[in-house]
Every structure is written in structure tokens, then in C-alpha cells.
């Protein structure tokens, strides 16, 4: 059953509008080398776009949470050929080191670096400048699917004697450059040439969305990474053979588990909390053995 106009309005406001805002902010963060929020906001935006696609096509999104890999599998099931297989370097994008990824590999990369726990740098991150352009490609591919894929286009004023109009799916397959205007923040910025720095953040080097008249500026190419603080300040000290380092590591780990919400549950053997609890137990055994020697 096609989505009703009232339902579509809810999806657009709750999911598409906020996804556009997250996506524009993610691009700005990338330009400013704020990589933690680039990954979080970019992943969150893509999550919402995919949920919008599913809702427009009669699927519930209640049980997905922030699982973008599972969301992508579900979107791929209904979209199939409308999604890219491999994310290749655009011919007009020069001066950047590029390694092709499949769309699935990139979604997994986002899931690792942009999952909710990593807002606190639980896992650190690793990024290259191609990540922004791959995010652009995936947003373009998914955002154009926000429609009832197998419903015919509504051609107002058309004679009933004419053949049935094509479905959205058929148009999207035949015209890779076609995307419907959703009248959401991203559409507004594409249209508004006076939007200034916000428009620049949204469109610079975003080759699939930007109008032909948009003046692009090159961005520096490079890479960045951040080792997880839990590795540097918790796990590494707990593996030490030095008594003082071990004692401090155990005290710090127990303080963290007691006073913060670490992913998972140590007592129930889940997530990062369980890994830390195991490391504390092993460190206490090591500390006892060092004490026995002396």
C-alpha cells in the first residue's frame, strides 16, 4: 500500500529534514578536520535516509536502532540495481589518493567509525579524504530512493486515455541523474545561490548534487587516525608487568566502569565493558603473581 500524504509529511520532517541537517553538518566537520563528529553525523544522516526509504516503501523501522549495516541490507533488498556496487573515484575529482570500496564495505567502515559508542572515541577512528566523497555518493544514491518505488509517478492533468505512467523505480533506473526535489534543507541550499558559507559546506566538491554553475574549491587530501583512549589509558596499562602501572590501571578501569556508561555490561559479559572487566581480572592475577615473587 502506498504511503499517504500525511504519513509522507511525517517521514519528511522527522527523518529527511533532520538527515539533511546532519549531513550538511557532517560535511562542515570534515572540512574542519573534526573527524569524530564527521563520522557520527554522516552515519546518523545515512541511517535516517535509509529509514525514510523503508517507511516510504511499507517497511517498519522500529527494530533497527542505529544499525546502518542491517538497514543497508534491507534497503538493498528493495532497491537492488538502484544502489552502487563499487564507489569509484569521480573522473572530475583529481589530486586525491583513492582506493575503491564496495558500497557494503563503506557502510561497514561508517558503522565502525560512526557508531553511537564512538561519540566518546571508544574505538578511535581512521579516515582518508575519500571518505567524504564516498559518503556523498552513498547519500546521493540513497536519498533519491525516498519515494514509493513501485508506485507510478503522479502526472497531474494527464489524460486517462494515455498509458499508465512509469513507476519511480523505472524512472530512477533509466535516468541515473534524476532525483525528486523533496523541499528539504539540502534542496533549499542547492537552489539558494545567496546562502553563503552554509551552501559552500553543503555543496563544495559534492559533484552529484551541486549545480554546474557552483564554484568548487579544492580541499587538501590526507588521512587521520586516533587510537582509542581506552586502549592507551586502560587496556595497555592493564597488560603491563610493572606493579605501579598495573595498580594504577586497575584503579582507573574500575573508576571508569563505576562512573561512566561504557558500552555493554561487564557482569553480563557483553560489549566493551566485558573486555575491560576481563582485562582487570587478568591484571589482578598478574599483580598477585608479581607480589608472590617478591
C-alpha atoms as a PDB file:
ATOM      1  CA  UNK A   1       0.000   0.000   0.000  1.00  0.00           C
ATOM      2  CA  UNK A   2       1.459   3.411  -0.941  1.00  0.00           C
ATOM      3  CA  UNK A   3       2.304   5.834   1.821  1.00  0.00           C
ATOM      4  CA  UNK A   4      -0.326   8.521   2.410  1.00  0.00           C
ATOM      5  CA  UNK A   5       0.425  12.239   2.112  1.00  0.00           C
ATOM      6  CA  UNK A   6       0.107  12.672   5.894  1.00  0.00           C
ATOM      7  CA  UNK A   7       2.495   9.798   6.519  1.00  0.00           C
ATOM      8  CA  UNK A   8       4.918  11.170   3.937  1.00  0.00           C
ATOM      9  CA  UNK A   9       4.902  14.551   5.693  1.00  0.00           C
ATOM     10  CA  UNK A  10       5.822  12.876   8.981  1.00  0.00           C
ATOM     11  CA  UNK A  11       8.668  10.920   7.374  1.00  0.00           C
ATOM     12  CA  UNK A  12       9.988  14.016   5.623  1.00  0.00           C
ATOM     13  CA  UNK A  13      10.001  16.148   8.763  1.00  0.00           C
ATOM     14  CA  UNK A  14      11.247  13.518  11.221  1.00  0.00           C
ATOM     15  CA  UNK A  15      13.766  11.713   9.050  1.00  0.00           C
ATOM     16  CA  UNK A  16      14.643  13.594   5.857  1.00  0.00           C
ATOM     17  CA  UNK A  17      14.849  17.109   7.293  1.00  0.00           C
ATOM     18  CA  UNK A  18      16.997  16.041  10.247  1.00  0.00           C
ATOM     19  CA  UNK A  19      19.123  13.809   7.998  1.00  0.00           C
ATOM     20  CA  UNK A  20      19.820  16.752   5.690  1.00  0.00           C
ATOM     21  CA  UNK A  21      20.864  18.871   8.671  1.00  0.00           C
ATOM     22  CA  UNK A  22      23.123  16.074   9.989  1.00  0.00           C
ATOM     23  CA  UNK A  23      24.651  15.570   6.546  1.00  0.00           C
ATOM     24  CA  UNK A  24      25.400  19.256   5.965  1.00  0.00           C
ATOM     25  CA  UNK A  25      26.957  19.474   9.437  1.00  0.00           C
ATOM     26  CA  UNK A  26      28.996  16.317   8.738  1.00  0.00           C
ATOM     27  CA  UNK A  27      30.458  17.882   5.587  1.00  0.00           C
ATOM     28  CA  UNK A  28      31.371  21.030   7.528  1.00  0.00           C
ATOM     29  CA  UNK A  29      33.028  18.921  10.247  1.00  0.00           C
ATOM     30  CA  UNK A  30      35.078  17.078   7.640  1.00  0.00           C
ATOM     31  CA  UNK A  31      36.282  20.368   6.141  1.00  0.00           C
ATOM     32  CA  UNK A  32      37.335  21.483   9.647  1.00  0.00           C
ATOM     33  CA  UNK A  33      39.009  18.117  10.363  1.00  0.00           C
ATOM     34  CA  UNK A  34      36.573  17.362  13.197  1.00  0.00           C
ATOM     35  CA  UNK A  35      36.604  13.690  12.332  1.00  0.00           C
ATOM     36  CA  UNK A  36      34.716  12.269  15.318  1.00  0.00           C
ATOM     37  CA  UNK A  37      31.620  14.316  14.522  1.00  0.00           C
ATOM     38  CA  UNK A  38      32.065  13.860  10.767  1.00  0.00           C
ATOM     39  CA  UNK A  39      31.647  10.119  11.240  1.00  0.00           C
ATOM     40  CA  UNK A  40      28.851  10.369  13.808  1.00  0.00           C
ATOM     41  CA  UNK A  41      26.795  12.906  11.869  1.00  0.00           C
ATOM     42  CA  UNK A  42      27.436  11.314   8.472  1.00  0.00           C
ATOM     43  CA  UNK A  43      26.477   7.854   9.704  1.00  0.00           C
ATOM     44  CA  UNK A  44      23.433   9.226  11.526  1.00  0.00           C
ATOM     45  CA  UNK A  45      22.308  11.067   8.382  1.00  0.00           C
ATOM     46  CA  UNK A  46      22.597   7.951   6.239  1.00  0.00           C
ATOM     47  CA  UNK A  47      20.718   5.962   8.892  1.00  0.00           C
ATOM     48  CA  UNK A  48      17.781   8.396   8.701  1.00  0.00           C
ATOM     49  CA  UNK A  49      17.747   8.478   4.892  1.00  0.00           C
ATOM     50  CA  UNK A  50      17.602   4.681   4.813  1.00  0.00           C
ATOM     51  CA  UNK A  51      14.793   4.618   7.366  1.00  0.00           C
ATOM     52  CA  UNK A  52      12.886   7.099   5.203  1.00  0.00           C
ATOM     53  CA  UNK A  53      13.296   4.812   2.172  1.00  0.00           C
ATOM     54  CA  UNK A  54      11.932   1.847   4.100  1.00  0.00           C
ATOM     55  CA  UNK A  55       8.991   3.797   5.522  1.00  0.00           C
ATOM     56  CA  UNK A  56       8.039   5.124   2.082  1.00  0.00           C
ATOM     57  CA  UNK A  57       8.015   1.536   0.861  1.00  0.00           C
ATOM     58  CA  UNK A  58       5.827  -0.018   3.532  1.00  0.00           C
ATOM     59  CA  UNK A  59       8.507  -1.290   5.924  1.00  0.00           C
ATOM     60  CA  UNK A  60       8.717  -0.722   9.666  1.00  0.00           C
ATOM     61  CA  UNK A  61      11.956   0.689  11.096  1.00  0.00           C
ATOM     62  CA  UNK A  62      11.213   0.039  14.777  1.00  0.00           C
ATOM     63  CA  UNK A  63      13.865  -2.607  15.436  1.00  0.00           C
ATOM     64  CA  UNK A  64      16.917  -1.258  13.615  1.00  0.00           C
ATOM     65  CA  UNK A  65      18.235   1.229  16.170  1.00  0.00           C
ATOM     66  CA  UNK A  66      21.466   2.707  14.796  1.00  0.00           C
ATOM     67  CA  UNK A  67      22.465  -0.462  12.900  1.00  0.00           C
ATOM     68  CA  UNK A  68      23.356   1.005   9.492  1.00  0.00           C
ATOM     69  CA  UNK A  69      24.694  -2.282   8.132  1.00  0.00           C
ATOM     70  CA  UNK A  70      21.365  -4.015   8.755  1.00  0.00           C
ATOM     71  CA  UNK A  71      19.471  -1.014   7.410  1.00  0.00           C
ATOM     72  CA  UNK A  72      21.555  -1.062   4.244  1.00  0.00           C
ATOM     73  CA  UNK A  73      20.839  -4.755   3.691  1.00  0.00           C
ATOM     74  CA  UNK A  74      17.107  -4.046   3.948  1.00  0.00           C
ATOM     75  CA  UNK A  75      17.282  -1.060   1.590  1.00  0.00           C
ATOM     76  CA  UNK A  76      19.341  -3.100  -0.856  1.00  0.00           C
ATOM     77  CA  UNK A  77      16.684  -5.815  -0.807  1.00  0.00           C
ATOM     78  CA  UNK A  78      14.059  -3.429  -2.164  1.00  0.00           C
ATOM     79  CA  UNK A  79      16.311  -1.183  -4.293  1.00  0.00           C
ATOM     80  CA  UNK A  80      18.816  -3.659  -5.780  1.00  0.00           C
ATOM     81  CA  UNK A  81      20.191  -2.202  -9.040  1.00  0.00           C
ATOM     82  CA  UNK A  82      19.448   1.354  -7.946  1.00  0.00           C
ATOM     83  CA  UNK A  83      22.344   1.230  -5.476  1.00  0.00           C
ATOM     84  CA  UNK A  84      26.016   1.347  -6.497  1.00  0.00           C
ATOM     85  CA  UNK A  85      28.126  -1.778  -6.322  1.00  0.00           C
ATOM     86  CA  UNK A  86      31.500  -0.050  -6.103  1.00  0.00           C
ATOM     87  CA  UNK A  87      32.348   3.508  -5.104  1.00  0.00           C
ATOM     88  CA  UNK A  88      34.753   4.659  -7.804  1.00  0.00           C
ATOM     89  CA  UNK A  89      36.654   7.921  -7.961  1.00  0.00           C
ATOM     90  CA  UNK A  90      34.727  10.555  -9.938  1.00  0.00           C
ATOM     91  CA  UNK A  91      36.582  11.464 -13.136  1.00  0.00           C
ATOM     92  CA  UNK A  92      36.488  15.173 -12.267  1.00  0.00           C
ATOM     93  CA  UNK A  93      37.889  14.671  -8.752  1.00  0.00           C
ATOM     94  CA  UNK A  94      41.670  14.984  -9.025  1.00  0.00           C
ATOM     95  CA  UNK A  95      44.570  15.272  -6.604  1.00  0.00           C
ATOM     96  CA  UNK A  96      43.262  12.735  -4.104  1.00  0.00           C
ATOM     97  CA  UNK A  97      44.510   9.293  -3.126  1.00  0.00           C
ATOM     98  CA  UNK A  98      41.662   6.869  -3.788  1.00  0.00           C
ATOM     99  CA  UNK A  99      41.136   3.185  -3.081  1.00  0.00           C
ATOM    100  CA  UNK A 100      37.860   1.763  -4.402  1.00  0.00           C
ATOM    101  CA  UNK A 101      35.483   0.257  -1.879  1.00  0.00           C
ATOM    102  CA  UNK A 102      32.280  -1.633  -2.441  1.00  0.00           C
ATOM    103  CA  UNK A 103      29.202   0.122  -1.108  1.00  0.00           C
ATOM    104  CA  UNK A 104      28.880  -2.562   1.565  1.00  0.00           C
ATOM    105  CA  UNK A 105      32.496  -2.109   2.663  1.00  0.00           C
ATOM    106  CA  UNK A 106      31.974   1.615   3.035  1.00  0.00           C
ATOM    107  CA  UNK A 107      28.806   1.128   5.091  1.00  0.00           C
ATOM    108  CA  UNK A 108      30.785  -1.199   7.372  1.00  0.00           C
ATOM    109  CA  UNK A 109      33.511   1.463   7.624  1.00  0.00           C
ATOM    110  CA  UNK A 110      30.884   4.004   8.695  1.00  0.00           C
ATOM    111  CA  UNK A 111      29.385   1.560  11.184  1.00  0.00           C
ATOM    112  CA  UNK A 112      32.781   1.063  12.818  1.00  0.00           C
ATOM    113  CA  UNK A 113      33.827   4.709  12.956  1.00  0.00           C
ATOM    114  CA  UNK A 114      30.449   6.397  13.339  1.00  0.00           C
ATOM    115  CA  UNK A 115      28.514   4.167  15.709  1.00  0.00           C
ATOM    116  CA  UNK A 116      26.993   5.808  18.809  1.00  0.00           C
ATOM    117  CA  UNK A 117      29.644   4.476  21.198  1.00  0.00           C
ATOM    118  CA  UNK A 118      32.355   6.131  19.157  1.00  0.00           C
ATOM    119  CA  UNK A 119      30.991   9.567  20.028  1.00  0.00           C
ATOM    120  CA  UNK A 120      33.243   9.020  23.051  1.00  0.00           C
ATOM    121  CA  UNK A 121      36.155   7.682  20.938  1.00  0.00           C
ATOM    122  CA  UNK A 122      35.626   4.226  22.351  1.00  0.00           C
ATOM    123  CA  UNK A 123      37.095   2.715  19.192  1.00  0.00           C
ATOM    124  CA  UNK A 124      39.068   5.654  17.801  1.00  0.00           C
ATOM    125  CA  UNK A 125      38.879   6.284  14.062  1.00  0.00           C
ATOM    126  CA  UNK A 126      40.785   6.002  10.812  1.00  0.00           C
ATOM    127  CA  UNK A 127      39.847   8.203   7.887  1.00  0.00           C
ATOM    128  CA  UNK A 128      41.064   9.371   4.496  1.00  0.00           C
ATOM    129  CA  UNK A 129      39.795  12.289   2.452  1.00  0.00           C
ATOM    130  CA  UNK A 130      37.989   9.889   0.123  1.00  0.00           C
ATOM    131  CA  UNK A 131      35.544   9.152   2.970  1.00  0.00           C
ATOM    132  CA  UNK A 132      33.747  12.456   2.403  1.00  0.00           C
ATOM    133  CA  UNK A 133      33.286  11.752  -1.302  1.00  0.00           C
ATOM    134  CA  UNK A 134      32.142   8.188  -0.662  1.00  0.00           C
ATOM    135  CA  UNK A 135      29.616   9.498   1.857  1.00  0.00           C
ATOM    136  CA  UNK A 136      28.414  11.948  -0.814  1.00  0.00           C
ATOM    137  CA  UNK A 137      27.974   9.099  -3.296  1.00  0.00           C
ATOM    138  CA  UNK A 138      26.021   6.971  -0.824  1.00  0.00           C
ATOM    139  CA  UNK A 139      23.806   9.866   0.268  1.00  0.00           C
ATOM    140  CA  UNK A 140      23.026  10.653  -3.363  1.00  0.00           C
ATOM    141  CA  UNK A 141      22.220   7.005  -4.126  1.00  0.00           C
ATOM    142  CA  UNK A 142      20.012   6.501  -1.055  1.00  0.00           C
ATOM    143  CA  UNK A 143      18.321   9.903  -0.889  1.00  0.00           C
ATOM    144  CA  UNK A 144      16.920   9.595  -4.409  1.00  0.00           C
ATOM    145  CA  UNK A 145      15.145   6.399  -3.280  1.00  0.00           C
ATOM    146  CA  UNK A 146      12.940   8.318  -0.828  1.00  0.00           C
ATOM    147  CA  UNK A 147       9.732   7.640  -2.722  1.00  0.00           C
ATOM    148  CA  UNK A 148       7.276   4.782  -3.217  1.00  0.00           C
ATOM    149  CA  UNK A 149       9.460   2.924  -5.685  1.00  0.00           C
ATOM    150  CA  UNK A 150       6.811   0.826  -7.392  1.00  0.00           C
ATOM    151  CA  UNK A 151       4.064   3.433  -7.483  1.00  0.00           C
ATOM    152  CA  UNK A 152       3.557   5.374 -10.734  1.00  0.00           C
ATOM    153  CA  UNK A 153       4.584   8.998 -10.933  1.00  0.00           C
ATOM    154  CA  UNK A 154       1.708  11.361 -10.331  1.00  0.00           C
ATOM    155  CA  UNK A 155       1.316  13.266 -13.598  1.00  0.00           C
ATOM    156  CA  UNK A 156      -1.372  15.839 -12.922  1.00  0.00           C
ATOM    157  CA  UNK A 157      -3.558  16.954 -15.827  1.00  0.00           C
ATOM    158  CA  UNK A 158      -2.773  13.820 -17.775  1.00  0.00           C
ATOM    159  CA  UNK A 159      -5.500  12.245 -19.905  1.00  0.00           C
ATOM    160  CA  UNK A 160      -6.859   8.945 -18.580  1.00  0.00           C
ATOM    161  CA  UNK A 161      -6.735   7.619 -22.148  1.00  0.00           C
ATOM    162  CA  UNK A 162      -2.942   7.626 -22.106  1.00  0.00           C
ATOM    163  CA  UNK A 163      -0.936   4.556 -20.950  1.00  0.00           C
ATOM    164  CA  UNK A 164      -0.115   4.292 -17.260  1.00  0.00           C
ATOM    165  CA  UNK A 165       2.884   6.463 -16.283  1.00  0.00           C
ATOM    166  CA  UNK A 166       6.148   4.737 -15.336  1.00  0.00           C
ATOM    167  CA  UNK A 167       6.952   3.896 -11.738  1.00  0.00           C
ATOM    168  CA  UNK A 168       9.515   5.785  -9.721  1.00  0.00           C
ATOM    169  CA  UNK A 169      11.757   2.708  -9.954  1.00  0.00           C
ATOM    170  CA  UNK A 170      11.640   2.737 -13.743  1.00  0.00           C
ATOM    171  CA  UNK A 171      12.496   6.434 -13.921  1.00  0.00           C
ATOM    172  CA  UNK A 172      15.361   6.035 -11.445  1.00  0.00           C
ATOM    173  CA  UNK A 173      16.764   3.085 -13.409  1.00  0.00           C
ATOM    174  CA  UNK A 174      16.534   4.865 -16.745  1.00  0.00           C
ATOM    175  CA  UNK A 175      17.812   8.240 -15.538  1.00  0.00           C
ATOM    176  CA  UNK A 176      20.725   7.929 -13.048  1.00  0.00           C
ATOM    177  CA  UNK A 177      20.883  11.720 -12.777  1.00  0.00           C
ATOM    178  CA  UNK A 178      17.207  12.034 -11.779  1.00  0.00           C
ATOM    179  CA  UNK A 179      16.216  12.810  -8.203  1.00  0.00           C
ATOM    180  CA  UNK A 180      12.953  14.224  -6.955  1.00  0.00           C
ATOM    181  CA  UNK A 181      13.012  17.539  -5.104  1.00  0.00           C
ATOM    182  CA  UNK A 182      11.872  16.959  -1.529  1.00  0.00           C
ATOM    183  CA  UNK A 183      11.817  20.660  -0.490  1.00  0.00           C
ATOM    184  CA  UNK A 184      14.077  19.878   2.437  1.00  0.00           C
ATOM    185  CA  UNK A 185      17.181  21.790   3.683  1.00  0.00           C
ATOM    186  CA  UNK A 186      19.556  20.259   1.134  1.00  0.00           C
ATOM    187  CA  UNK A 187      17.200  21.066  -1.748  1.00  0.00           C
ATOM    188  CA  UNK A 188      16.881  24.634  -0.467  1.00  0.00           C
ATOM    189  CA  UNK A 189      20.654  25.123  -0.379  1.00  0.00           C
ATOM    190  CA  UNK A 190      21.086  23.724  -3.880  1.00  0.00           C
ATOM    191  CA  UNK A 191      18.593  26.291  -5.102  1.00  0.00           C
ATOM    192  CA  UNK A 192      19.617  29.303  -2.981  1.00  0.00           C
ATOM    193  CA  UNK A 193      22.715  30.899  -4.511  1.00  0.00           C
ATOM    194  CA  UNK A 194      22.815  33.517  -1.738  1.00  0.00           C
ATOM    195  CA  UNK A 195      23.138  31.001   1.120  1.00  0.00           C
ATOM    196  CA  UNK A 196      26.849  31.731   1.590  1.00  0.00           C
ATOM    197  CA  UNK A 197      29.077  29.588   3.819  1.00  0.00           C
ATOM    198  CA  UNK A 198      26.356  27.072   4.644  1.00  0.00           C
ATOM    199  CA  UNK A 199      25.783  26.396   0.949  1.00  0.00           C
ATOM    200  CA  UNK A 200      29.533  26.058   0.470  1.00  0.00           C
ATOM    201  CA  UNK A 201      29.709  23.457   3.262  1.00  0.00           C
ATOM    202  CA  UNK A 202      26.810  21.551   1.711  1.00  0.00           C
ATOM    203  CA  UNK A 203      27.946  21.578  -1.913  1.00  0.00           C
ATOM    204  CA  UNK A 204      31.694  22.064  -2.282  1.00  0.00           C
ATOM    205  CA  UNK A 205      33.073  19.094  -4.241  1.00  0.00           C
ATOM    206  CA  UNK A 206      29.744  17.329  -3.836  1.00  0.00           C
ATOM    207  CA  UNK A 207      29.686  16.644  -7.531  1.00  0.00           C
ATOM    208  CA  UNK A 208      26.420  14.717  -7.761  1.00  0.00           C
ATOM    209  CA  UNK A 209      24.341  17.452  -6.106  1.00  0.00           C
ATOM    210  CA  UNK A 210      25.992  20.765  -6.962  1.00  0.00           C
ATOM    211  CA  UNK A 211      24.677  22.808  -9.894  1.00  0.00           C
ATOM    212  CA  UNK A 212      27.007  23.210 -12.881  1.00  0.00           C
ATOM    213  CA  UNK A 213      27.481  26.882 -12.013  1.00  0.00           C
ATOM    214  CA  UNK A 214      28.759  26.156  -8.485  1.00  0.00           C
ATOM    215  CA  UNK A 215      32.384  27.272  -7.982  1.00  0.00           C
ATOM    216  CA  UNK A 216      34.224  24.431  -6.253  1.00  0.00           C
ATOM    217  CA  UNK A 217      37.375  24.925  -4.179  1.00  0.00           C
ATOM    218  CA  UNK A 218      39.936  22.135  -3.815  1.00  0.00           C
ATOM    219  CA  UNK A 219      40.333  20.577  -0.381  1.00  0.00           C
ATOM    220  CA  UNK A 220      43.578  19.138   0.974  1.00  0.00           C
ATOM    221  CA  UNK A 221      43.951  15.390   0.630  1.00  0.00           C
ATOM    222  CA  UNK A 222      45.203  13.334   3.528  1.00  0.00           C
ATOM    223  CA  UNK A 223      44.428  10.873   6.289  1.00  0.00           C
ATOM    224  CA  UNK A 224      43.940  10.923  10.047  1.00  0.00           C
ATOM    225  CA  UNK A 225      43.537   8.435  12.853  1.00  0.00           C
ATOM    226  CA  UNK A 226      43.038   8.384  16.600  1.00  0.00           C
ATOM    227  CA  UNK A 227      43.931   5.480  18.851  1.00  0.00           C
ATOM    228  CA  UNK A 228      41.093   4.738  21.286  1.00  0.00           C
ATOM    229  CA  UNK A 229      41.634   6.344  24.675  1.00  0.00           C
ATOM    230  CA  UNK A 230      40.521   3.068  26.264  1.00  0.00           C
ATOM    231  CA  UNK A 231      43.491   1.326  24.656  1.00  0.00           C
ATOM    232  CA  UNK A 232      46.016   3.983  25.679  1.00  0.00           C
ATOM    233  CA  UNK A 233      44.731   4.649  29.198  1.00  0.00           C
ATOM    234  CA  UNK A 234      43.062   1.369  30.187  1.00  0.00           C
ATOM    235  CA  UNK A 235      43.969  -1.713  28.190  1.00  0.00           C
ATOM    236  CA  UNK A 236      47.691  -1.039  27.678  1.00  0.00           C
ATOM    237  CA  UNK A 237      48.373  -0.331  31.391  1.00  0.00           C
ATOM    238  CA  UNK A 238      46.425  -3.461  32.349  1.00  0.00           C
ATOM    239  CA  UNK A 239      48.837  -5.537  30.220  1.00  0.00           C
ATOM    240  CA  UNK A 240      51.908  -4.095  31.924  1.00  0.00           C
ATOM    241  CA  UNK A 241      54.330  -6.134  34.028  1.00  0.00           C
ATOM    242  CA  UNK A 242      55.102  -3.139  36.218  1.00  0.00           C
ATOM    243  CA  UNK A 243      53.432  -3.232  39.643  1.00  0.00           C
ATOM    244  CA  UNK A 244      52.741   0.512  39.911  1.00  0.00           C
ATOM    245  CA  UNK A 245      51.391   0.723  36.366  1.00  0.00           C
ATOM    246  CA  UNK A 246      49.143  -2.280  36.995  1.00  0.00           C
ATOM    247  CA  UNK A 247      47.777  -0.831  40.225  1.00  0.00           C
ATOM    248  CA  UNK A 248      47.002   2.486  38.562  1.00  0.00           C
ATOM    249  CA  UNK A 249      45.476   0.728  35.555  1.00  0.00           C
ATOM    250  CA  UNK A 250      43.179  -1.400  37.735  1.00  0.00           C
ATOM    251  CA  UNK A 251      42.064   1.610  39.762  1.00  0.00           C
ATOM    252  CA  UNK A 252      41.413   3.650  36.605  1.00  0.00           C
ATOM    253  CA  UNK A 253      39.482   0.852  34.917  1.00  0.00           C
ATOM    254  CA  UNK A 254      37.284   0.272  37.958  1.00  0.00           C
ATOM    255  CA  UNK A 255      36.655   4.023  38.245  1.00  0.00           C
ATOM    256  CA  UNK A 256      35.579   4.144  34.592  1.00  0.00           C
ATOM    257  CA  UNK A 257      33.181   1.196  34.930  1.00  0.00           C
ATOM    258  CA  UNK A 258      31.658   2.628  38.101  1.00  0.00           C
ATOM    259  CA  UNK A 259      31.192   6.219  36.950  1.00  0.00           C
ATOM    260  CA  UNK A 260      30.512   6.138  33.202  1.00  0.00           C
ATOM    261  CA  UNK A 261      28.194   4.296  30.809  1.00  0.00           C
ATOM    262  CA  UNK A 262      30.595   2.118  28.866  1.00  0.00           C
ATOM    263  CA  UNK A 263      29.156   0.085  26.007  1.00  0.00           C
ATOM    264  CA  UNK A 264      27.889  -3.291  27.152  1.00  0.00           C
ATOM    265  CA  UNK A 265      27.745  -4.866  30.595  1.00  0.00           C
ATOM    266  CA  UNK A 266      30.700  -6.423  32.381  1.00  0.00           C
ATOM    267  CA  UNK A 267      28.613  -8.678  34.601  1.00  0.00           C
ATOM    268  CA  UNK A 268      26.530  -9.936  31.675  1.00  0.00           C
ATOM    269  CA  UNK A 269      29.634 -10.465  29.514  1.00  0.00           C
ATOM    270  CA  UNK A 270      28.727  -8.030  26.746  1.00  0.00           C
ATOM    271  CA  UNK A 271      30.456  -5.238  24.852  1.00  0.00           C
ATOM    272  CA  UNK A 272      33.445  -3.111  25.801  1.00  0.00           C
ATOM    273  CA  UNK A 273      32.546  -3.288  29.487  1.00  0.00           C
ATOM    274  CA  UNK A 274      33.126  -7.049  29.415  1.00  0.00           C
ATOM    275  CA  UNK A 275      36.503  -6.579  27.684  1.00  0.00           C
ATOM    276  CA  UNK A 276      37.584  -4.134  30.393  1.00  0.00           C
ATOM    277  CA  UNK A 277      36.313  -6.415  33.182  1.00  0.00           C
ATOM    278  CA  UNK A 278      38.274  -9.324  31.692  1.00  0.00           C
ATOM    279  CA  UNK A 279      41.403  -7.181  31.427  1.00  0.00           C
ATOM    280  CA  UNK A 280      41.025  -6.084  35.064  1.00  0.00           C
ATOM    281  CA  UNK A 281      40.707  -9.695  36.174  1.00  0.00           C
ATOM    282  CA  UNK A 282      43.846 -10.679  34.227  1.00  0.00           C
ATOM    283  CA  UNK A 283      45.730  -7.656  35.587  1.00  0.00           C
ATOM    284  CA  UNK A 284      44.797  -8.582  39.151  1.00  0.00           C
ATOM    285  CA  UNK A 285      46.149 -12.094  38.549  1.00  0.00           C
ATOM    286  CA  UNK A 286      49.364 -10.656  37.136  1.00  0.00           C
ATOM    287  CA  UNK A 287      49.668  -8.287  40.100  1.00  0.00           C
ATOM    288  CA  UNK A 288      49.193 -11.201  42.527  1.00  0.00           C
ATOM    289  CA  UNK A 289      51.887 -13.218  40.780  1.00  0.00           C
ATOM    290  CA  UNK A 290      54.310 -10.261  40.959  1.00  0.00           C
ATOM    291  CA  UNK A 291      53.594  -9.919  44.666  1.00  0.00           C
ATOM    292  CA  UNK A 292      54.224 -13.638  45.191  1.00  0.00           C
ATOM    293  CA  UNK A 293      57.643 -13.402  43.531  1.00  0.00           C
ATOM    294  CA  UNK A 294      58.719 -10.670  45.939  1.00  0.00           C
END
